[in-house]
Amino acid sequence: MVALATLGWAIDEFGIATPYSDPIAHTRTQDEAVYVNCAIRMAKDGDWLTPKLMGRLFLFKPPLLIWLSALSIRIFGLSLFAVRLPALVLGAAGVAAAFAWAARARSLTAGVLAAGVLLCSPFWQTFSRLCYTDVPASSFAVLALVMVVFDPQLNSLRTRVGFGCLGAASVLTKSVAGARPFATLFLYSIAMPAERRTKLLRLAQVLFVAVMVSAPWHVYQALVHPLWFWAGYVQVQSVGMGLRSE
C-alpha cells in the first residue's frame, strides 16, 4: 500500500508520452502513445485478440499490457489514471516482491531496505506511472522468482503453476525479453548442489504451463496474420531491434 500510494502520486500530472524516459538525453516516452492508442481502440471495438494502431495491425509486441489497459478503460472509463493503472499496480507489486524476497532470504530490515531502494529508483517511479511494458514485465518476472525463494526445489504444484503463469505473463508483456525468469530459473538450478537441484520433471512442468498460457495468442496471430506477425513481431521487434548492439 505504501508503494501504491508513493508511485501513484501525481500519476495524471503529465500527458501521454510527455515525461522523459531519459532526462539526460531528453528522450521522451513516445511509446506510451502507441500503447494507449491500441488500448483505446481495443476497448472501443472489442477486438481483444489483435491490437490496432491508427487502424493498422500492431503486432510488434505481445498484447498483455494493452489488454490490461483496455480492461481498465472499460471498468473506470477513459482517463490517464485508467490507462496507467495496470502499470501502477504492477509497479507496487514489484516493490512488494522485492520486500518479500529480501525479508525471506535475510531479515525484515533487509526486506524494508530492498523495497525502499527499488521504490526510490527514478526509473521505477517514472515507468510505474506510464502505460509502458518495462515495469509490468519486470514485476511479473520478480514475482515468479520470489516463488522460488519460498520453494527452492519447486516441490509444490502451486509453485510450478504460479511460476509458469507469471513467467508467461512476462513473455506476453515483453516478448523474448520476458523470458528472463526462465533463464534465471535454469541457471539457478544448474548452480545448485546436486542434492538440492530441482528435478528436471518439475522444470519441464513449469515450461509446459508457460507455453500453454503464452502460446495461443502467438499461434493465432501466426495463422491469421502471418505476414504482419512475421514482419512486425519477428523481423522488426525480435530480430531487428532485439539484436541491435546499441
Protein backbone atom coordinates (compact mmCIF):
# COMPACT_ATOMS: atom_id res chain seq x y z
CA MET A 1 0.00 0.00 0.00
CA VAL A 2 2.90 2.34 0.71
CA ALA A 3 4.37 1.60 -2.72
CA LEU A 4 1.00 2.05 -4.40
CA ALA A 5 0.45 5.43 -2.76
CA THR A 6 4.00 6.60 -3.48
CA LEU A 7 4.10 5.51 -7.10
CA GLY A 8 0.57 6.73 -7.75
CA TRP A 9 1.30 10.26 -6.56
CA ALA A 10 0.56 12.70 -9.44
CA ILE A 11 0.13 9.83 -11.90
CA ASP A 12 -2.01 12.01 -14.15
CA GLU A 13 0.14 15.13 -13.86
CA PHE A 14 1.84 14.62 -17.23
CA GLY A 15 0.16 13.94 -20.55
CA ILE A 16 0.65 10.92 -22.75
CA ALA A 17 4.28 10.46 -23.85
CA THR A 18 5.40 13.77 -22.32
CA PRO A 19 7.69 12.60 -19.44
CA TYR A 20 11.34 11.85 -20.16
CA SER A 21 12.43 8.22 -20.17
CA ASP A 22 15.99 9.55 -20.22
CA PRO A 23 16.18 13.08 -18.76
CA ILE A 24 19.87 13.34 -19.65
CA ALA A 25 19.39 12.62 -23.35
CA HIS A 26 15.94 14.28 -23.30
CA THR A 27 14.28 11.17 -24.71
CA ARG A 28 10.54 11.21 -24.21
CA THR A 29 8.33 8.20 -23.58
CA GLN A 30 6.87 8.21 -27.07
CA ASP A 31 5.98 4.51 -26.99
CA GLU A 32 3.26 5.27 -24.46
CA ALA A 33 1.23 6.95 -27.19
CA VAL A 34 1.28 3.67 -29.14
CA TYR A 35 0.11 1.51 -26.25
CA VAL A 36 -2.59 3.96 -25.21
CA ASN A 37 -3.93 4.29 -28.75
CA CYS A 38 -4.10 0.49 -29.05
CA ALA A 39 -5.82 0.16 -25.66
CA ILE A 40 -8.43 2.79 -26.51
CA ARG A 41 -9.16 1.17 -29.87
CA MET A 42 -9.41 -2.27 -28.26
CA ALA A 43 -11.77 -1.02 -25.54
CA LYS A 44 -13.99 0.57 -28.18
CA ASP A 45 -14.12 -2.01 -30.99
CA GLY A 46 -13.94 -5.12 -28.77
CA ASP A 47 -11.29 -6.90 -30.85
CA TRP A 48 -9.32 -8.28 -27.92
CA LEU A 49 -7.13 -10.62 -29.95
CA THR A 50 -5.49 -8.19 -32.35
CA PRO A 51 -4.22 -4.77 -31.21
CA LYS A 52 -4.50 -1.98 -33.76
CA LEU A 53 -2.64 1.31 -34.04
CA MET A 54 -4.44 4.00 -36.01
CA GLY A 55 -6.38 1.32 -37.86
CA ARG A 56 -3.37 -0.86 -38.70
CA LEU A 57 -2.46 -4.14 -37.04
CA PHE A 58 0.05 -3.67 -34.23
CA LEU A 59 1.89 -6.95 -33.71
CA PHE A 60 5.30 -5.67 -32.65
CA LYS A 61 4.69 -6.52 -29.00
CA PRO A 62 2.51 -9.08 -27.20
CA PRO A 63 -0.79 -7.62 -26.01
CA LEU A 64 -0.94 -8.18 -22.24
CA LEU A 65 -0.31 -4.55 -21.25
CA ILE A 66 -2.80 -3.39 -23.89
CA TRP A 67 -5.35 -5.93 -22.63
CA LEU A 68 -4.98 -4.72 -19.06
CA SER A 69 -5.21 -1.04 -20.01
CA ALA A 70 -8.22 -1.66 -22.25
CA LEU A 71 -9.94 -3.57 -19.44
CA SER A 72 -9.18 -0.71 -17.06
CA ILE A 73 -10.74 1.72 -19.54
CA ARG A 74 -13.83 -0.47 -19.74
CA ILE A 75 -14.15 -0.51 -15.94
CA PHE A 76 -13.17 3.03 -14.98
CA GLY A 77 -13.77 4.98 -18.16
CA LEU A 78 -11.23 6.72 -20.37
CA SER A 79 -8.69 8.71 -18.36
CA LEU A 80 -4.96 8.94 -17.77
CA PHE A 81 -5.42 7.15 -14.49
CA ALA A 82 -7.29 4.27 -16.13
CA VAL A 83 -4.76 3.59 -18.89
CA ARG A 84 -1.84 3.79 -16.45
CA LEU A 85 -3.44 1.87 -13.59
CA PRO A 86 -2.17 -1.63 -14.59
CA ALA A 87 1.46 -0.46 -14.67
CA LEU A 88 0.98 1.31 -11.34
CA VAL A 89 -0.44 -1.78 -9.62
CA LEU A 90 2.31 -3.98 -11.03
CA GLY A 91 4.94 -1.43 -10.02
CA ALA A 92 3.70 -1.63 -6.44
CA ALA A 93 3.61 -5.44 -6.69
CA GLY A 94 7.25 -5.42 -7.80
CA VAL A 95 8.22 -3.42 -4.71
CA ALA A 96 6.28 -5.83 -2.50
CA ALA A 97 8.05 -8.75 -4.20
CA ALA A 98 11.46 -7.19 -3.52
CA PHE A 99 10.48 -6.83 0.13
CA ALA A 100 9.29 -10.45 0.37
CA TRP A 101 12.42 -11.77 -1.35
CA ALA A 102 14.94 -9.96 0.88
CA ALA A 103 12.90 -10.50 4.05
CA ARG A 104 12.70 -14.23 3.38
CA ALA A 105 16.36 -14.55 2.44
CA ARG A 106 17.76 -12.29 5.17
CA SER A 107 15.61 -10.31 7.58
CA LEU A 108 12.71 -7.89 7.88
CA THR A 109 15.18 -5.00 7.85
CA ALA A 110 16.74 -6.28 4.63
CA GLY A 111 13.26 -6.50 3.12
CA VAL A 112 12.46 -2.91 4.02
CA LEU A 113 15.79 -1.72 2.61
CA ALA A 114 15.36 -3.68 -0.64
CA ALA A 115 11.85 -2.38 -1.15
CA GLY A 116 12.98 1.14 -0.29
CA VAL A 117 15.83 1.10 -2.79
CA LEU A 118 13.51 -0.02 -5.59
CA LEU A 119 10.78 2.41 -4.58
CA CYS A 120 13.26 5.31 -4.60
CA SER A 121 14.55 4.43 -8.07
CA PRO A 122 13.72 7.27 -10.52
CA PHE A 123 13.37 4.69 -13.28
CA TRP A 124 10.87 2.61 -11.30
CA GLN A 125 8.89 5.68 -10.30
CA THR A 126 8.72 7.06 -13.84
CA PHE A 127 7.74 3.86 -15.60
CA SER A 128 5.26 2.80 -12.93
CA ARG A 129 3.32 5.96 -13.77
CA LEU A 130 3.18 5.28 -17.52
CA CYS A 131 1.47 2.82 -19.81
CA TYR A 132 4.79 1.12 -20.55
CA THR A 133 5.85 -2.53 -20.73
CA ASP A 134 9.08 -2.29 -18.73
CA VAL A 135 7.74 -2.29 -15.18
CA PRO A 136 4.93 -4.83 -15.76
CA ALA A 137 7.33 -7.31 -17.38
CA SER A 138 9.91 -6.82 -14.63
CA SER A 139 7.30 -7.20 -11.90
CA PHE A 140 5.91 -10.40 -13.41
CA ALA A 141 9.47 -11.74 -13.57
CA VAL A 142 10.38 -10.91 -9.98
CA LEU A 143 7.03 -12.24 -8.71
CA ALA A 144 7.80 -15.52 -10.43
CA LEU A 145 11.29 -15.69 -8.94
CA VAL A 146 10.02 -14.87 -5.45
CA MET A 147 8.06 -18.11 -5.57
CA VAL A 148 11.38 -19.95 -5.90
CA VAL A 149 12.71 -18.13 -2.84
CA PHE A 150 9.90 -19.69 -0.79
CA ASP A 151 10.06 -23.07 -2.55
CA PRO A 152 13.61 -23.52 -3.97
CA GLN A 153 13.08 -27.03 -5.30
CA LEU A 154 9.60 -26.36 -6.70
CA ASN A 155 8.09 -29.07 -4.54
CA SER A 156 4.62 -27.54 -4.61
CA LEU A 157 2.45 -27.82 -7.70
CA ARG A 158 1.19 -24.33 -6.88
CA THR A 159 4.75 -23.00 -7.20
CA ARG A 160 5.26 -24.67 -10.57
CA VAL A 161 1.95 -23.46 -11.96
CA GLY A 162 2.40 -19.99 -10.48
CA PHE A 163 5.90 -19.60 -11.87
CA GLY A 164 4.75 -20.79 -15.29
CA CYS A 165 1.82 -18.35 -15.36
CA LEU A 166 3.81 -15.37 -14.11
CA GLY A 167 6.67 -16.13 -16.48
CA ALA A 168 4.19 -16.42 -19.35
CA ALA A 169 2.74 -13.05 -18.33
CA SER A 170 6.23 -11.57 -18.59
CA VAL A 171 6.59 -13.02 -22.10
CA LEU A 172 3.14 -11.74 -23.08
CA THR A 173 4.23 -8.29 -21.95
CA LYS A 174 7.79 -8.01 -23.29
CA SER A 175 8.19 -10.76 -25.90
CA VAL A 176 11.57 -12.55 -25.87
CA ALA A 177 12.88 -10.24 -23.15
CA GLY A 178 10.11 -11.54 -20.91
CA ALA A 179 11.71 -15.00 -20.88
CA ARG A 180 14.40 -13.88 -18.42
CA PRO A 181 12.81 -15.53 -15.35
CA PHE A 182 13.01 -18.91 -17.09
CA ALA A 183 16.68 -18.41 -17.94
CA THR A 184 17.30 -17.38 -14.33
CA LEU A 185 15.49 -20.44 -13.00
CA PHE A 186 17.51 -22.85 -15.14
CA LEU A 187 20.83 -21.19 -14.29
CA TYR A 188 19.87 -21.31 -10.62
CA SER A 189 19.01 -25.00 -10.91
CA ILE A 190 22.35 -25.76 -12.56
CA ALA A 191 24.30 -23.79 -9.95
CA MET A 192 22.72 -25.61 -7.01
CA PRO A 193 24.50 -28.61 -5.43
CA ALA A 194 23.29 -31.90 -6.85
CA GLU A 195 21.34 -32.87 -3.73
CA ARG A 196 19.42 -29.55 -3.78
CA ARG A 197 18.93 -29.31 -7.53
CA THR A 198 15.40 -29.00 -8.89
CA LYS A 199 14.21 -32.11 -10.69
CA LEU A 200 14.03 -31.85 -14.49
CA LEU A 201 10.43 -33.02 -14.49
CA ARG A 202 9.43 -30.05 -12.36
CA LEU A 203 11.27 -27.64 -14.64
CA ALA A 204 9.52 -29.25 -17.60
CA GLN A 205 6.17 -28.73 -15.89
CA VAL A 206 6.96 -25.03 -15.41
CA LEU A 207 7.77 -24.71 -19.12
CA PHE A 208 4.65 -26.63 -20.09
CA VAL A 209 2.43 -24.26 -18.12
CA ALA A 210 4.21 -21.23 -19.58
CA VAL A 211 3.78 -22.47 -23.13
CA MET A 212 0.12 -23.29 -22.60
CA VAL A 213 -0.50 -19.75 -21.36
CA SER A 214 1.65 -17.75 -23.76
CA ALA A 215 1.47 -19.77 -26.99
CA PRO A 216 -2.24 -19.41 -28.01
CA TRP A 217 -2.00 -15.71 -28.91
CA HIS A 218 1.23 -16.22 -30.83
CA VAL A 219 -0.17 -19.23 -32.72
CA TYR A 220 -3.38 -17.35 -33.53
CA GLN A 221 -1.53 -14.37 -34.99
CA ALA A 222 0.90 -16.59 -36.90
CA LEU A 223 -2.06 -18.39 -38.52
CA VAL A 224 -4.45 -15.48 -39.06
CA HIS A 225 -1.99 -12.64 -39.81
CA PRO A 226 1.20 -14.47 -40.85
CA LEU A 227 2.81 -11.67 -42.87
CA TRP A 228 2.09 -8.97 -40.27
CA PHE A 229 3.23 -11.22 -37.45
CA TRP A 230 6.44 -12.25 -39.18
CA ALA A 231 7.33 -8.74 -40.29
CA GLY A 232 6.47 -6.94 -37.05
CA TYR A 233 6.95 -9.42 -34.23
CA VAL A 234 9.85 -11.46 -35.61
CA GLN A 235 11.81 -9.42 -38.14
CA VAL A 236 11.45 -5.95 -36.60
CA GLN A 237 10.93 -6.47 -32.87
CA SER A 238 12.71 -9.72 -32.01
CA VAL A 239 15.49 -9.72 -34.61
CA GLY A 240 15.86 -6.15 -35.88
CA MET A 241 15.56 -4.38 -32.52
CA GLY A 242 16.33 -7.25 -30.14
CA LEU A 243 19.74 -7.98 -31.63
CA ARG A 244 20.93 -4.40 -32.13
CA SER A 245 24.14 -3.58 -30.31
CA GLU A 246 23.11 -0.07 -29.30
